[in-house]
C-alpha atoms as a PDB file:
ATOM      1  CA  MET A   1      26.442 -15.223  23.998  1.00  0.00           C
ATOM      2  CA  GLY A   2      26.096 -12.124  26.157  1.00  0.00           C
ATOM      3  CA  PRO A   3      23.168 -11.570  28.512  1.00  0.00           C
ATOM      4  CA  GLU A   4      21.706  -8.860  26.228  1.00  0.00           C
ATOM      5  CA  LEU A   5      21.066 -11.567  23.619  1.00  0.00           C
ATOM      6  CA  MET A   6      19.468 -13.895  26.147  1.00  0.00           C
ATOM      7  CA  THR A   7      16.578 -11.586  27.064  1.00  0.00           C
ATOM      8  CA  GLY A   8      13.773 -10.124  25.041  1.00  0.00           C
ATOM      9  CA  ARG A   9      10.351 -10.938  23.743  1.00  0.00           C
ATOM     10  CA  VAL A  10       8.803 -12.267  20.575  1.00  0.00           C
ATOM     11  CA  GLU A  11       7.231  -9.488  18.521  1.00  0.00           C
ATOM     12  CA  ARG A  12       5.201  -9.624  15.298  1.00  0.00           C
ATOM     13  CA  LEU A  13       6.833  -7.218  12.848  1.00  0.00           C
ATOM     14  CA  PHE A  14       4.477  -7.568   9.900  1.00  0.00           C
ATOM     15  CA  THR A  15       1.341  -9.327   8.689  1.00  0.00           C
ATOM     16  CA  GLY A  16       0.387 -10.110   5.127  1.00  0.00           C
ATOM     17  CA  THR A  17       3.059 -12.578   4.108  1.00  0.00           C
ATOM     18  CA  VAL A  18       2.200 -16.090   2.966  1.00  0.00           C
ATOM     19  CA  TRP A  19       5.444 -17.800   3.965  1.00  0.00           C
ATOM     20  CA  ALA A  20       8.103 -15.620   5.606  1.00  0.00           C
ATOM     21  CA  GLU A  21      11.615 -16.769   6.520  1.00  0.00           C
ATOM     22  CA  GLY A  22      15.310 -15.943   6.500  1.00  0.00           C
ATOM     23  CA  PRO A  23      15.498 -12.898   8.798  1.00  0.00           C
ATOM     24  CA  VAL A  24      18.796 -11.096   9.243  1.00  0.00           C
ATOM     25  CA  TRP A  25      19.734  -7.898  11.095  1.00  0.00           C
ATOM     26  CA  VAL A  26      21.452  -5.454   8.704  1.00  0.00           C
ATOM     27  CA  PRO A  27      23.592  -3.084  10.807  1.00  0.00           C
ATOM     28  CA  SER A  28      24.229  -0.595   7.987  1.00  0.00           C
ATOM     29  CA  SER A  29      20.499   0.151   7.619  1.00  0.00           C
ATOM     30  CA  GLN A  30      19.527  -0.684  11.227  1.00  0.00           C
ATOM     31  CA  ALA A  31      16.785  -2.959   9.858  1.00  0.00           C
ATOM     32  CA  VAL A  32      15.608  -6.569   9.852  1.00  0.00           C
ATOM     33  CA  ARG A  33      15.311  -8.041   6.338  1.00  0.00           C
ATOM     34  CA  TRP A  34      13.404 -11.232   5.444  1.00  0.00           C
ATOM     35  CA  SER A  35      11.702 -13.029   2.552  1.00  0.00           C
ATOM     36  CA  ASP A  36       8.051 -13.433   1.645  1.00  0.00           C
ATOM     37  CA  ILE A  37       8.821 -16.412  -0.572  1.00  0.00           C
ATOM     38  CA  PRO A  38       5.564 -17.043  -2.532  1.00  0.00           C
ATOM     39  CA  ASN A  39       5.248 -13.297  -3.215  1.00  0.00           C
ATOM     40  CA  ASP A  40       8.895 -13.251  -4.470  1.00  0.00           C
ATOM     41  CA  ARG A  41       9.930 -10.256  -2.392  1.00  0.00           C
ATOM     42  CA  ILE A  42      12.204  -9.122   0.433  1.00  0.00           C
ATOM     43  CA  LEU A  43      10.740  -7.000   3.224  1.00  0.00           C
ATOM     44  CA  GLU A  44      12.601  -4.675   5.572  1.00  0.00           C
ATOM     45  CA  PHE A  45      11.522  -3.562   9.078  1.00  0.00           C
ATOM     46  CA  TYR A  46      12.929  -0.487  10.840  1.00  0.00           C
ATOM     47  CA  PRO A  47      12.617  -0.785  14.650  1.00  0.00           C
ATOM     48  CA  ALA A  48      13.294   2.930  15.163  1.00  0.00           C
ATOM     49  CA  THR A  49      10.130   3.883  13.255  1.00  0.00           C
ATOM     50  CA  GLY A  50       8.099   0.662  13.371  1.00  0.00           C
ATOM     51  CA  MET A  51       7.754   0.852   9.575  1.00  0.00           C
ATOM     52  CA  THR A  52       8.029  -2.077   7.146  1.00  0.00           C
ATOM     53  CA  ARG A  53       8.725  -1.592   3.458  1.00  0.00           C
ATOM     54  CA  GLU A  54       9.134  -3.767   0.401  1.00  0.00           C
ATOM     55  CA  TYR A  55      12.902  -3.788  -0.110  1.00  0.00           C
ATOM     56  CA  ALA A  56      12.956  -5.728  -3.398  1.00  0.00           C
ATOM     57  CA  THR A  57      10.703  -7.786  -5.679  1.00  0.00           C
ATOM     58  CA  GLY A  58      11.417 -10.406  -8.331  1.00  0.00           C
ATOM     59  CA  VAL A  59      14.240 -11.822  -6.202  1.00  0.00           C
ATOM     60  CA  GLU A  60      14.130 -15.428  -7.456  1.00  0.00           C
ATOM     61  CA  PHE A  61      12.375 -16.612  -4.291  1.00  0.00           C
ATOM     62  CA  THR A  62      15.376 -16.004  -2.009  1.00  0.00           C
ATOM     63  CA  ASN A  63      15.049 -17.342   1.502  1.00  0.00           C
ATOM     64  CA  GLY A  64      17.758 -17.965   4.140  1.00  0.00           C
ATOM     65  CA  ARG A  65      20.189 -15.080   4.497  1.00  0.00           C
ATOM     66  CA  THR A  66      23.157 -13.948   6.544  1.00  0.00           C
ATOM     67  CA  LEU A  67      25.933 -11.360   6.338  1.00  0.00           C
ATOM     68  CA  ASP A  68      29.436 -12.368   5.280  1.00  0.00           C
ATOM     69  CA  SER A  69      32.650 -10.976   6.813  1.00  0.00           C
ATOM     70  CA  MET A  70      32.447  -7.920   4.500  1.00  0.00           C
ATOM     71  CA  ALA A  71      28.797  -7.221   5.505  1.00  0.00           C
ATOM     72  CA  ALA A  72      27.503  -8.351   2.111  1.00  0.00           C
ATOM     73  CA  LEU A  73      24.043  -9.897   2.300  1.00  0.00           C
ATOM     74  CA  CYS A  74      24.217 -13.593   1.367  1.00  0.00           C
ATOM     75  CA  SER A  75      20.991 -15.352   0.359  1.00  0.00           C
ATOM     76  CA  ALA A  76      19.902 -18.777  -0.758  1.00  0.00           C
ATOM     77  CA  VAL A  77      18.192 -18.482  -4.147  1.00  0.00           C
ATOM     78  CA  THR A  78      15.384 -21.015  -4.361  1.00  0.00           C
ATOM     79  CA  ASP A  79      14.523 -20.480  -8.034  1.00  0.00           C
ATOM     80  CA  SER A  80      18.034 -21.321  -9.266  1.00  0.00           C
ATOM     81  CA  ALA A  81      18.972 -23.396  -6.180  1.00  0.00           C
ATOM     82  CA  GLY A  82      22.182 -21.453  -5.649  1.00  0.00           C
ATOM     83  CA  LEU A  83      23.721 -18.828  -3.361  1.00  0.00           C
ATOM     84  CA  SER A  84      24.346 -15.142  -4.026  1.00  0.00           C
ATOM     85  CA  ALA A  85      25.699 -12.072  -2.233  1.00  0.00           C
ATOM     86  CA  THR A  86      24.800  -8.408  -2.612  1.00  0.00           C
ATOM     87  CA  ALA A  87      25.994  -5.226  -0.946  1.00  0.00           C
ATOM     88  CA  LYS A  88      24.644  -1.677  -0.990  1.00  0.00           C
ATOM     89  CA  GLY A  89      21.870  -2.390  -3.445  1.00  0.00           C
ATOM     90  CA  LEU A  90      20.877  -5.387  -5.464  1.00  0.00           C
ATOM     91  CA  SER A  91      23.882  -5.809  -7.776  1.00  0.00           C
ATOM     92  CA  PRO A  92      25.366  -9.282  -7.217  1.00  0.00           C
ATOM     93  CA  LEU A  93      28.892  -9.455  -5.811  1.00  0.00           C
ATOM     94  CA  TRP A  94      29.120 -13.190  -6.402  1.00  0.00           C
ATOM     95  CA  SER A  95      26.899 -16.132  -7.179  1.00  0.00           C
ATOM     96  CA  ILE A  96      27.282 -19.902  -6.819  1.00  0.00           C
ATOM     97  CA  PRO A  97      24.818 -21.823  -8.994  1.00  0.00           C
ATOM     98  CA  SER A  98      23.421 -25.191  -8.007  1.00  0.00           C
ATOM     99  CA  GLY A  99      25.729 -28.059  -8.958  1.00  0.00           C
ATOM    100  CA  ALA A 100      28.850 -25.859  -9.062  1.00  0.00           C
ATOM    101  CA  ASP A 101      32.062 -27.825  -8.670  1.00  0.00           C
ATOM    102  CA  GLY A 102      34.240 -26.340  -5.955  1.00  0.00           C
END
C-alpha cells in the first residue's frame, strides 16, 4: 500500500440513509457508489462537485460491492442472496444465484 493510501481523513459524504454500506470507487465515473439498503437504492457521490445522486432504485437490496478485473461492478444481492455484475448501466453481465453449484 503506497503512502498516498495511508493518509487522509474521514468525511461524511451524505446524510439521509437508514443503513448504508458497500462503498466502491468507480474510476470510469470518478465517483463513490454505495447502498442505502432499506431504501433499496444505490447512491453515487462525485468528489469533484460534492454532489450525491440516486444512481439506481429497486436494486434488490444490494450491499457489498467491488470491481472485477474488467471494471464491471460486482454486488451482493441481499433479496435473492446471490451475486451479480453490471457494467456501463444496469444490465446484468452475469449473476450467481444463492445455492448455485459450482
